[in-house]
Every structure is written in C-alpha cells, then in structure tokens.
All heavy atoms as atom14 arrays in JSON, in Angstrom:
{
  "sequence": "AFHDDFSEHNSPVYFGEMVENVREHGLDFLAEALFLNFDDGRLS",
  "atom14_mask": [
    [1, 1, 1, 1, 1, 0, 0, 0, 0, 0, 0, 0, 0, 0],
    [1, 1, 1, 1, 1, 1, 1, 1, 1, 1, 1, 0, 0, 0],
    [1, 1, 1, 1, 1, 1, 1, 1, 1, 1, 0, 0, 0, 0],
    [1, 1, 1, 1, 1, 1, 1, 1, 0, 0, 0, 0, 0, 0],
    [1, 1, 1, 1, 1, 1, 1, 1, 0, 0, 0, 0, 0, 0],
    [1, 1, 1, 1, 1, 1, 1, 1, 1, 1, 1, 0, 0, 0],
    [1, 1, 1, 1, 1, 1, 0, 0, 0, 0, 0, 0, 0, 0],
    [1, 1, 1, 1, 1, 1, 1, 1, 1, 0, 0, 0, 0, 0],
    [1, 1, 1, 1, 1, 1, 1, 1, 1, 1, 0, 0, 0, 0],
    [1, 1, 1, 1, 1, 1, 1, 1, 0, 0, 0, 0, 0, 0],
    [1, 1, 1, 1, 1, 1, 0, 0, 0, 0, 0, 0, 0, 0],
    [1, 1, 1, 1, 1, 1, 1, 0, 0, 0, 0, 0, 0, 0],
    [1, 1, 1, 1, 1, 1, 1, 0, 0, 0, 0, 0, 0, 0],
    [1, 1, 1, 1, 1, 1, 1, 1, 1, 1, 1, 1, 0, 0],
    [1, 1, 1, 1, 1, 1, 1, 1, 1, 1, 1, 0, 0, 0],
    [1, 1, 1, 1, 0, 0, 0, 0, 0, 0, 0, 0, 0, 0],
    [1, 1, 1, 1, 1, 1, 1, 1, 1, 0, 0, 0, 0, 0],
    [1, 1, 1, 1, 1, 1, 1, 1, 0, 0, 0, 0, 0, 0],
    [1, 1, 1, 1, 1, 1, 1, 0, 0, 0, 0, 0, 0, 0],
    [1, 1, 1, 1, 1, 1, 1, 1, 1, 0, 0, 0, 0, 0],
    [1, 1, 1, 1, 1, 1, 1, 1, 0, 0, 0, 0, 0, 0],
    [1, 1, 1, 1, 1, 1, 1, 0, 0, 0, 0, 0, 0, 0],
    [1, 1, 1, 1, 1, 1, 1, 1, 1, 1, 1, 0, 0, 0],
    [1, 1, 1, 1, 1, 1, 1, 1, 1, 0, 0, 0, 0, 0],
    [1, 1, 1, 1, 1, 1, 1, 1, 1, 1, 0, 0, 0, 0],
    [1, 1, 1, 1, 0, 0, 0, 0, 0, 0, 0, 0, 0, 0],
    [1, 1, 1, 1, 1, 1, 1, 1, 0, 0, 0, 0, 0, 0],
    [1, 1, 1, 1, 1, 1, 1, 1, 0, 0, 0, 0, 0, 0],
    [1, 1, 1, 1, 1, 1, 1, 1, 1, 1, 1, 0, 0, 0],
    [1, 1, 1, 1, 1, 1, 1, 1, 0, 0, 0, 0, 0, 0],
    [1, 1, 1, 1, 1, 0, 0, 0, 0, 0, 0, 0, 0, 0],
    [1, 1, 1, 1, 1, 1, 1, 1, 1, 0, 0, 0, 0, 0],
    [1, 1, 1, 1, 1, 0, 0, 0, 0, 0, 0, 0, 0, 0],
    [1, 1, 1, 1, 1, 1, 1, 1, 0, 0, 0, 0, 0, 0],
    [1, 1, 1, 1, 1, 1, 1, 1, 1, 1, 1, 0, 0, 0],
    [1, 1, 1, 1, 1, 1, 1, 1, 0, 0, 0, 0, 0, 0],
    [1, 1, 1, 1, 1, 1, 1, 1, 0, 0, 0, 0, 0, 0],
    [1, 1, 1, 1, 1, 1, 1, 1, 1, 1, 1, 0, 0, 0],
    [1, 1, 1, 1, 1, 1, 1, 1, 0, 0, 0, 0, 0, 0],
    [1, 1, 1, 1, 1, 1, 1, 1, 0, 0, 0, 0, 0, 0],
    [1, 1, 1, 1, 0, 0, 0, 0, 0, 0, 0, 0, 0, 0],
    [1, 1, 1, 1, 1, 1, 1, 1, 1, 1, 1, 0, 0, 0],
    [1, 1, 1, 1, 1, 1, 1, 1, 0, 0, 0, 0, 0, 0],
    [1, 1, 1, 1, 1, 1, 0, 0, 0, 0, 0, 0, 0, 0]
  ],
  "atom14_positions": [
    [[0.83, -1.22, -0.01], [-0.01, 0.0, -0.01], [0.87, 1.26, -0.01], [0.54, 2.24, -0.67], [-0.93, 0.01, 1.21], [0.0, 0.0, 0.0], [0.0, 0.0, 0.0], [0.0, 0.0, 0.0], [0.0, 0.0, 0.0], [0.0, 0.0, 0.0], [0.0, 0.0, 0.0], [0.0, 0.0, 0.0], [0.0, 0.0, 0.0], [0.0, 0.0, 0.0]],
    [[1.97, 1.24, 0.72], [2.82, 2.42, 0.8], [3.39, 2.72, -0.59], [3.47, 3.89, -1.01], [3.94, 2.2, 1.8], [4.72, 3.45, 2.08], [4.19, 4.5, 2.79], [6.04, 3.56, 1.63], [4.92, 5.66, 3.05], [6.78, 4.7, 1.9], [6.23, 5.76, 2.59], [0.0, 0.0, 0.0], [0.0, 0.0, 0.0], [0.0, 0.0, 0.0]],
    [[3.83, 1.68, -1.31], [4.37, 1.89, -2.66], [3.3, 2.33, -3.64], [3.48, 3.29, -4.39], [5.01, 0.6, -3.16], [5.49, 0.66, -4.59], [4.61, 0.4, -5.65], [6.69, 0.97, -5.12], [5.3, 0.55, -6.79], [6.55, 0.89, -6.49], [0.0, 0.0, 0.0], [0.0, 0.0, 0.0], [0.0, 0.0, 0.0], [0.0, 0.0, 0.0]],
    [[2.16, 1.66, -3.64], [1.15, 1.91, -4.68], [0.26, 3.1, -4.37], [-0.07, 3.85, -5.29], [0.28, 0.66, -4.83], [0.91, -0.37, -5.75], [2.14, -0.4, -5.82], [0.18, -1.13, -6.4], [0.0, 0.0, 0.0], [0.0, 0.0, 0.0], [0.0, 0.0, 0.0], [0.0, 0.0, 0.0], [0.0, 0.0, 0.0], [0.0, 0.0, 0.0]],
    [[-0.14, 3.29, -3.12], [-1.19, 4.25, -2.81], [-0.75, 5.45, -2.01], [-1.48, 6.42, -1.92], [-2.32, 3.52, -2.06], [-2.97, 2.43, -2.88], [-3.81, 2.72, -3.74], [-2.6, 1.24, -2.7], [0.0, 0.0, 0.0], [0.0, 0.0, 0.0], [0.0, 0.0, 0.0], [0.0, 0.0, 0.0], [0.0, 0.0, 0.0], [0.0, 0.0, 0.0]],
    [[0.44, 5.39, -1.45], [0.95, 6.53, -0.65], [2.21, 7.11, -1.25], [2.8, 7.99, -0.64], [1.21, 6.08, 0.81], [-0.03, 5.74, 1.57], [-0.64, 4.51, 1.46], [-0.63, 6.68, 2.42], [-1.78, 4.18, 2.17], [-1.77, 6.36, 3.15], [-2.36, 5.13, 3.02], [0.0, 0.0, 0.0], [0.0, 0.0, 0.0], [0.0, 0.0, 0.0]],
    [[2.62, 6.65, -2.4], [3.87, 7.14, -2.98], [3.68, 8.59, -3.48], [2.59, 9.02, -3.8], [4.28, 6.27, -4.15], [3.3, 6.29, -5.17], [0.0, 0.0, 0.0], [0.0, 0.0, 0.0], [0.0, 0.0, 0.0], [0.0, 0.0, 0.0], [0.0, 0.0, 0.0], [0.0, 0.0, 0.0], [0.0, 0.0, 0.0], [0.0, 0.0, 0.0]],
    [[4.82, 9.27, -3.57], [4.77, 10.67, -4.06], [4.27, 10.73, -5.49], [3.5, 11.63, -5.87], [6.19, 11.25, -3.97], [6.3, 12.67, -4.51], [7.71, 13.21, -4.51], [8.61, 12.48, -4.09], [7.9, 14.37, -4.99], [0.0, 0.0, 0.0], [0.0, 0.0, 0.0], [0.0, 0.0, 0.0], [0.0, 0.0, 0.0], [0.0, 0.0, 0.0]],
    [[4.69, 9.79, -6.29], [4.29, 9.75, -7.71], [3.34, 8.6, -7.94], [3.57, 7.46, -7.57], [5.54, 9.58, -8.62], [6.55, 10.66, -8.43], [6.39, 11.93, -8.95], [7.75, 10.65, -7.77], [7.44, 12.67, -8.63], [8.28, 11.94, -7.91], [0.0, 0.0, 0.0], [0.0, 0.0, 0.0], [0.0, 0.0, 0.0], [0.0, 0.0, 0.0]],
    [[2.21, 8.91, -8.59], [1.23, 7.91, -8.9], [0.46, 8.43, -10.09], [-0.41, 9.27, -9.95], [0.29, 7.64, -7.72], [-0.63, 6.47, -7.94], [-1.36, 6.46, -8.93], [-0.65, 5.51, -7.03], [0.0, 0.0, 0.0], [0.0, 0.0, 0.0], [0.0, 0.0, 0.0], [0.0, 0.0, 0.0], [0.0, 0.0, 0.0], [0.0, 0.0, 0.0]],
    [[0.82, 7.94, -11.28], [0.26, 8.51, -12.49], [-0.3, 7.44, -13.43], [0.43, 6.94, -14.32], [1.32, 9.36, -13.23], [2.52, 8.59, -13.41], [0.0, 0.0, 0.0], [0.0, 0.0, 0.0], [0.0, 0.0, 0.0], [0.0, 0.0, 0.0], [0.0, 0.0, 0.0], [0.0, 0.0, 0.0], [0.0, 0.0, 0.0], [0.0, 0.0, 0.0]],
    [[-1.55, 7.07, -13.23], [-2.17, 6.08, -14.16], [-2.3, 6.69, -15.57], [-2.27, 7.9, -15.75], [-3.56, 5.87, -13.52], [-3.42, 6.37, -12.13], [-2.44, 7.49, -12.17], [0.0, 0.0, 0.0], [0.0, 0.0, 0.0], [0.0, 0.0, 0.0], [0.0, 0.0, 0.0], [0.0, 0.0, 0.0], [0.0, 0.0, 0.0], [0.0, 0.0, 0.0]],
    [[-2.5, 5.79, -16.54], [-2.7, 6.2, -17.93], [-3.81, 5.36, -18.53], [-4.1, 4.26, -18.02], [-1.41, 6.02, -18.8], [-0.33, 6.99, -18.35], [-0.94, 4.57, -18.72], [0.0, 0.0, 0.0], [0.0, 0.0, 0.0], [0.0, 0.0, 0.0], [0.0, 0.0, 0.0], [0.0, 0.0, 0.0], [0.0, 0.0, 0.0], [0.0, 0.0, 0.0]],
    [[-4.42, 5.83, -19.57], [-5.26, 4.98, -20.38], [-4.36, 4.12, -21.27], [-3.28, 4.55, -21.69], [-6.19, 5.82, -21.26], [-7.36, 6.42, -20.52], [-7.36, 7.75, -20.12], [-8.47, 5.63, -20.17], [-8.43, 8.31, -19.43], [-9.54, 6.17, -19.48], [-9.5, 7.5, -19.11], [-10.55, 8.03, -18.39], [0.0, 0.0, 0.0], [0.0, 0.0, 0.0]],
    [[-4.78, 2.9, -21.51], [-3.96, 1.96, -22.26], [-3.55, 2.53, -23.6], [-2.38, 2.44, -24.02], [-4.7, 0.64, -22.45], [-3.98, -0.31, -23.35], [-2.8, -0.93, -22.95], [-4.46, -0.58, -24.64], [-2.15, -1.81, -23.78], [-3.82, -1.44, -25.47], [-2.63, -2.09, -25.06], [0.0, 0.0, 0.0], [0.0, 0.0, 0.0], [0.0, 0.0, 0.0]],
    [[-4.48, 3.17, -24.31], [-4.17, 3.74, -25.6], [-3.07, 4.76, -25.52], [-2.2, 4.86, -26.41], [0.0, 0.0, 0.0], [0.0, 0.0, 0.0], [0.0, 0.0, 0.0], [0.0, 0.0, 0.0], [0.0, 0.0, 0.0], [0.0, 0.0, 0.0], [0.0, 0.0, 0.0], [0.0, 0.0, 0.0], [0.0, 0.0, 0.0], [0.0, 0.0, 0.0]],
    [[-3.08, 5.59, -24.46], [-2.02, 6.58, -24.25], [-0.68, 5.91, -24.02], [0.34, 6.38, -24.51], [-2.39, 7.47, -23.06], [-3.62, 8.32, -23.25], [-4.03, 9.05, -22.01], [-3.57, 8.65, -20.91], [-4.8, 10.04, -22.11], [0.0, 0.0, 0.0], [0.0, 0.0, 0.0], [0.0, 0.0, 0.0], [0.0, 0.0, 0.0], [0.0, 0.0, 0.0]],
    [[-0.69, 4.82, -23.25], [0.55, 4.1, -23.01], [1.14, 3.57, -24.29], [2.36, 3.69, -24.51], [0.26, 2.94, -22.02], [1.52, 2.14, -21.64], [2.65, 3.09, -20.66], [3.91, 1.87, -20.31], [0.0, 0.0, 0.0], [0.0, 0.0, 0.0], [0.0, 0.0, 0.0], [0.0, 0.0, 0.0], [0.0, 0.0, 0.0], [0.0, 0.0, 0.0]],
    [[0.31, 3.0, -25.13], [0.83, 2.45, -26.39], [1.38, 3.56, -27.28], [2.42, 3.4, -27.93], [-0.25, 1.61, -27.1], [0.23, 1.18, -28.47], [-0.65, 0.41, -26.26], [0.0, 0.0, 0.0], [0.0, 0.0, 0.0], [0.0, 0.0, 0.0], [0.0, 0.0, 0.0], [0.0, 0.0, 0.0], [0.0, 0.0, 0.0], [0.0, 0.0, 0.0]],
    [[0.71, 4.7, -27.3], [1.21, 5.81, -28.1], [2.61, 6.25, -27.63], [3.52, 6.48, -28.44], [0.26, 7.0, -27.99], [-1.02, 6.86, -28.8], [-1.91, 8.12, -28.63], [-1.41, 9.13, -28.11], [-3.09, 8.05, -29.05], [0.0, 0.0, 0.0], [0.0, 0.0, 0.0], [0.0, 0.0, 0.0], [0.0, 0.0, 0.0], [0.0, 0.0, 0.0]],
    [[2.78, 6.32, -26.32], [4.05, 6.71, -25.77], [5.14, 5.68, -26.08], [6.29, 5.99, -26.42], [3.93, 6.91, -24.24], [5.08, 7.76, -23.68], [5.86, 8.35, -24.39], [5.17, 7.77, -22.37], [0.0, 0.0, 0.0], [0.0, 0.0, 0.0], [0.0, 0.0, 0.0], [0.0, 0.0, 0.0], [0.0, 0.0, 0.0], [0.0, 0.0, 0.0]],
    [[4.79, 4.41, -25.95], [5.71, 3.32, -26.24], [6.14, 3.36, -27.7], [7.32, 3.19, -28.03], [5.08, 1.96, -25.88], [5.82, 0.81, -26.52], [5.02, 1.79, -24.36], [0.0, 0.0, 0.0], [0.0, 0.0, 0.0], [0.0, 0.0, 0.0], [0.0, 0.0, 0.0], [0.0, 0.0, 0.0], [0.0, 0.0, 0.0], [0.0, 0.0, 0.0]],
    [[5.19, 3.59, -28.59], [5.5, 3.65, -30.03], [6.41, 4.8, -30.38], [7.23, 4.7, -31.29], [4.21, 3.68, -30.85], [3.49, 2.35, -30.86], [2.14, 2.41, -31.55], [1.57, 1.07, -31.71], [0.31, 0.85, -32.13], [-0.5, 1.86, -32.42], [-0.11, -0.41, -32.26], [0.0, 0.0, 0.0], [0.0, 0.0, 0.0], [0.0, 0.0, 0.0]],
    [[6.29, 5.9, -29.65], [7.2, 7.02, -29.89], [8.63, 6.66, -29.55], [9.57, 7.34, -30.02], [6.77, 8.21, -29.03], [5.48, 8.88, -29.52], [5.03, 10.0, -28.6], [5.72, 10.27, -27.6], [3.99, 10.6, -28.9], [0.0, 0.0, 0.0], [0.0, 0.0, 0.0], [0.0, 0.0, 0.0], [0.0, 0.0, 0.0], [0.0, 0.0, 0.0]],
    [[8.85, 5.61, -28.77], [10.19, 5.16, -28.4], [10.61, 3.94, -29.22], [11.56, 3.24, -28.85], [10.25, 4.86, -26.92], [10.24, 6.08, -26.04], [9.08, 6.73, -25.72], [11.24, 6.78, -25.49], [9.37, 7.77, -24.97], [10.66, 7.82, -24.79], [0.0, 0.0, 0.0], [0.0, 0.0, 0.0], [0.0, 0.0, 0.0], [0.0, 0.0, 0.0]],
    [[9.94, 3.67, -30.32], [10.38, 2.58, -31.18], [9.98, 1.21, -30.74], [10.56, 0.21, -31.19], [0.0, 0.0, 0.0], [0.0, 0.0, 0.0], [0.0, 0.0, 0.0], [0.0, 0.0, 0.0], [0.0, 0.0, 0.0], [0.0, 0.0, 0.0], [0.0, 0.0, 0.0], [0.0, 0.0, 0.0], [0.0, 0.0, 0.0], [0.0, 0.0, 0.0]],
    [[9.01, 1.11, -29.83], [8.55, -0.18, -29.33], [7.07, -0.33, -29.72], [6.44, 0.61, -30.19], [8.71, -0.27, -27.81], [10.11, -0.09, -27.26], [10.07, 0.03, -25.75], [11.02, -1.24, -27.69], [0.0, 0.0, 0.0], [0.0, 0.0, 0.0], [0.0, 0.0, 0.0], [0.0, 0.0, 0.0], [0.0, 0.0, 0.0], [0.0, 0.0, 0.0]],
    [[6.53, -1.53, -29.48], [5.1, -1.73, -29.78], [4.54, -2.76, -28.81], [5.27, -3.58, -28.22], [4.91, -2.22, -31.19], [3.51, -1.94, -31.75], [2.63, -1.46, -30.95], [3.27, -2.18, -32.92], [0.0, 0.0, 0.0], [0.0, 0.0, 0.0], [0.0, 0.0, 0.0], [0.0, 0.0, 0.0], [0.0, 0.0, 0.0], [0.0, 0.0, 0.0]],
    [[3.25, -2.71, -28.62], [2.52, -3.64, -27.74], [2.44, -5.01, -28.41], [2.0, -5.11, -29.55], [1.14, -3.1, -27.44], [0.25, -4.04, -26.67], [0.5, -4.29, -25.33], [-0.82, -4.64, -27.27], [-0.34, -5.15, -24.61], [-1.65, -5.5, -26.56], [-1.39, -5.76, -25.23], [0.0, 0.0, 0.0], [0.0, 0.0, 0.0], [0.0, 0.0, 0.0]],
    [[2.86, -6.04, -27.67], [2.76, -7.4, -28.19], [1.53, -8.1, -27.6], [0.67, -8.59, -28.35], [4.01, -8.21, -27.84], [3.98, -9.68, -28.23], [3.96, -9.81, -29.75], [5.17, -10.45, -27.64], [0.0, 0.0, 0.0], [0.0, 0.0, 0.0], [0.0, 0.0, 0.0], [0.0, 0.0, 0.0], [0.0, 0.0, 0.0], [0.0, 0.0, 0.0]],
    [[1.44, -8.12, -26.28], [0.3, -8.81, -25.63], [0.33, -8.49, -24.14], [1.32, -8.0, -23.64], [0.42, -10.33, -25.83], [0.0, 0.0, 0.0], [0.0, 0.0, 0.0], [0.0, 0.0, 0.0], [0.0, 0.0, 0.0], [0.0, 0.0, 0.0], [0.0, 0.0, 0.0], [0.0, 0.0, 0.0], [0.0, 0.0, 0.0], [0.0, 0.0, 0.0]],
    [[-0.78, -8.76, -23.51], [-0.78, -8.7, -22.05], [-0.14, -9.96, -21.52], [-0.28, -11.04, -22.1], [-2.22, -8.57, -21.53], [-2.37, -7.97, -20.17], [-1.92, -6.53, -20.09], [-1.57, -5.9, -21.1], [-1.92, -5.99, -18.96], [0.0, 0.0, 0.0], [0.0, 0.0, 0.0], [0.0, 0.0, 0.0], [0.0, 0.0, 0.0], [0.0, 0.0, 0.0]],
    [[0.59, -9.84, -20.42], [1.31, -10.97, -19.86], [0.38, -11.84, -18.97], [0.76, -12.27, -17.89], [2.52, -10.51, -19.06], [0.0, 0.0, 0.0], [0.0, 0.0, 0.0], [0.0, 0.0, 0.0], [0.0, 0.0, 0.0], [0.0, 0.0, 0.0], [0.0, 0.0, 0.0], [0.0, 0.0, 0.0], [0.0, 0.0, 0.0], [0.0, 0.0, 0.0]],
    [[-0.82, -12.06, -19.47], [-1.82, -12.84, -18.74], [-2.52, -13.76, -19.74], [-2.93, -13.33, -20.81], [-2.87, -11.93, -18.09], [-2.41, -10.95, -17.01], [-3.51, -10.0, -16.64], [-1.94, -11.7, -15.79], [0.0, 0.0, 0.0], [0.0, 0.0, 0.0], [0.0, 0.0, 0.0], [0.0, 0.0, 0.0], [0.0, 0.0, 0.0], [0.0, 0.0, 0.0]],
    [[-2.69, -15.01, -19.37], [-3.4, -15.95, -20.24], [-4.87, -15.59, -20.33], [-5.55, -15.94, -21.3], [-3.23, -17.39, -19.72], [-1.87, -17.91, -19.95], [-0.97, -18.0, -18.9], [-1.47, -18.34, -21.21], [0.32, -18.51, -19.09], [-0.19, -18.87, -21.4], [0.71, -18.93, -20.35], [0.0, 0.0, 0.0], [0.0, 0.0, 0.0], [0.0, 0.0, 0.0]],
    [[-5.38, -14.84, -19.35], [-6.76, -14.41, -19.34], [-7.12, -13.64, -20.61], [-8.23, -13.74, -21.13], [-7.04, -13.52, -18.14], [-8.45, -12.91, -17.98], [-9.47, -14.01, -17.78], [-8.5, -11.9, -16.87], [0.0, 0.0, 0.0], [0.0, 0.0, 0.0], [0.0, 0.0, 0.0], [0.0, 0.0, 0.0], [0.0, 0.0, 0.0], [0.0, 0.0, 0.0]],
    [[-6.17, -12.92, -21.17], [-6.45, -12.08, -22.34], [-6.62, -12.9, -23.62], [-7.08, -12.38, -24.63], [-5.36, -11.03, -22.53], [-5.55, -9.83, -21.66], [-5.73, -9.98, -20.43], [-5.6, -8.66, -22.2], [0.0, 0.0, 0.0], [0.0, 0.0, 0.0], [0.0, 0.0, 0.0], [0.0, 0.0, 0.0], [0.0, 0.0, 0.0], [0.0, 0.0, 0.0]],
    [[-6.24, -14.16, -23.58], [-6.44, -15.01, -24.78], [-7.83, -15.64, -24.79], [-8.35, -15.95, -25.87], [-5.37, -16.1, -24.82], [-4.0, -15.58, -25.11], [-3.09, -15.38, -24.1], [-3.6, -15.28, -26.4], [-1.83, -14.88, -24.36], [-2.35, -14.78, -26.69], [-1.45, -14.59, -25.65], [0.0, 0.0, 0.0], [0.0, 0.0, 0.0], [0.0, 0.0, 0.0]],
    [[-8.39, -15.86, -23.62], [-9.68, -16.52, -23.57], [-10.37, -16.14, -22.27], [-10.25, -16.85, -21.26], [-9.53, -18.03, -23.67], [-10.88, -18.76, -23.82], [-11.9, -18.09, -23.77], [-10.85, -19.98, -24.0], [0.0, 0.0, 0.0], [0.0, 0.0, 0.0], [0.0, 0.0, 0.0], [0.0, 0.0, 0.0], [0.0, 0.0, 0.0], [0.0, 0.0, 0.0]],
    [[-11.07, -15.05, -22.29], [-11.75, -14.57, -21.06], [-13.13, -15.19, -21.01], [-14.06, -14.74, -21.69], [-11.83, -13.05, -21.07], [-12.35, -12.51, -19.75], [-12.88, -13.28, -18.95], [-12.16, -11.31, -19.49], [0.0, 0.0, 0.0], [0.0, 0.0, 0.0], [0.0, 0.0, 0.0], [0.0, 0.0, 0.0], [0.0, 0.0, 0.0], [0.0, 0.0, 0.0]],
    [[-13.27, -16.26, -20.23], [-14.53, -16.98, -20.13], [-15.67, -16.15, -19.51], [-16.83, -16.54, -19.59], [0.0, 0.0, 0.0], [0.0, 0.0, 0.0], [0.0, 0.0, 0.0], [0.0, 0.0, 0.0], [0.0, 0.0, 0.0], [0.0, 0.0, 0.0], [0.0, 0.0, 0.0], [0.0, 0.0, 0.0], [0.0, 0.0, 0.0], [0.0, 0.0, 0.0]],
    [[-15.34, -14.97, -18.97], [-16.36, -14.12, -18.39], [-17.15, -13.35, -19.42], [-18.23, -12.82, -19.12], [-15.71, -13.13, -17.39], [-14.95, -13.75, -16.25], [-14.17, -12.74, -15.47], [-13.21, -12.02, -16.3], [-12.44, -11.03, -15.89], [-12.51, -10.64, -14.62], [-11.58, -10.44, -16.71], [0.0, 0.0, 0.0], [0.0, 0.0, 0.0], [0.0, 0.0, 0.0]],
    [[-16.63, -13.26, -20.62], [-17.27, -12.47, -21.7], [-18.11, -13.37, -22.58], [-17.59, -14.35, -23.13], [-16.24, -11.73, -22.51], [-15.34, -10.73, -21.74], [-14.37, -10.07, -22.69], [-16.15, -9.71, -20.99], [0.0, 0.0, 0.0], [0.0, 0.0, 0.0], [0.0, 0.0, 0.0], [0.0, 0.0, 0.0], [0.0, 0.0, 0.0], [0.0, 0.0, 0.0]],
    [[-19.32, -13.04, -22.79], [-20.18, -13.81, -23.69], [-19.77, -13.53, -25.14], [-19.08, -12.57, -25.45], [-21.65, -13.44, -23.48], [-21.87, -12.07, -23.91], [0.0, 0.0, 0.0], [0.0, 0.0, 0.0], [0.0, 0.0, 0.0], [0.0, 0.0, 0.0], [0.0, 0.0, 0.0], [0.0, 0.0, 0.0], [0.0, 0.0, 0.0], [0.0, 0.0, 0.0]]
  ]
}
C-alpha cells in the first residue's frame, strides 16, 4: 500500500495513451502478460 497508494508519484494512464508513448520510443505492444487475455470466459 505504501508503494502503490501513498507514494509521491502515482500517474495512471489509459492503455491507448501508454501504447502511443511506447511507439514514440520505437517499441510496440505485443500482448498482455496474462493468459486471461487469450480466452476470457467471463465475456459472452
């Protein structure tokens, strides 16, 4: 909690903004590091 919620710096982003910033540095989004993103059984 001290690191995540009480830290001096805490700056969330929208995912699309993150990818834009990453692409400006010559990188690109490959995948989320979670198997859930390949087959989310919660979604109809």
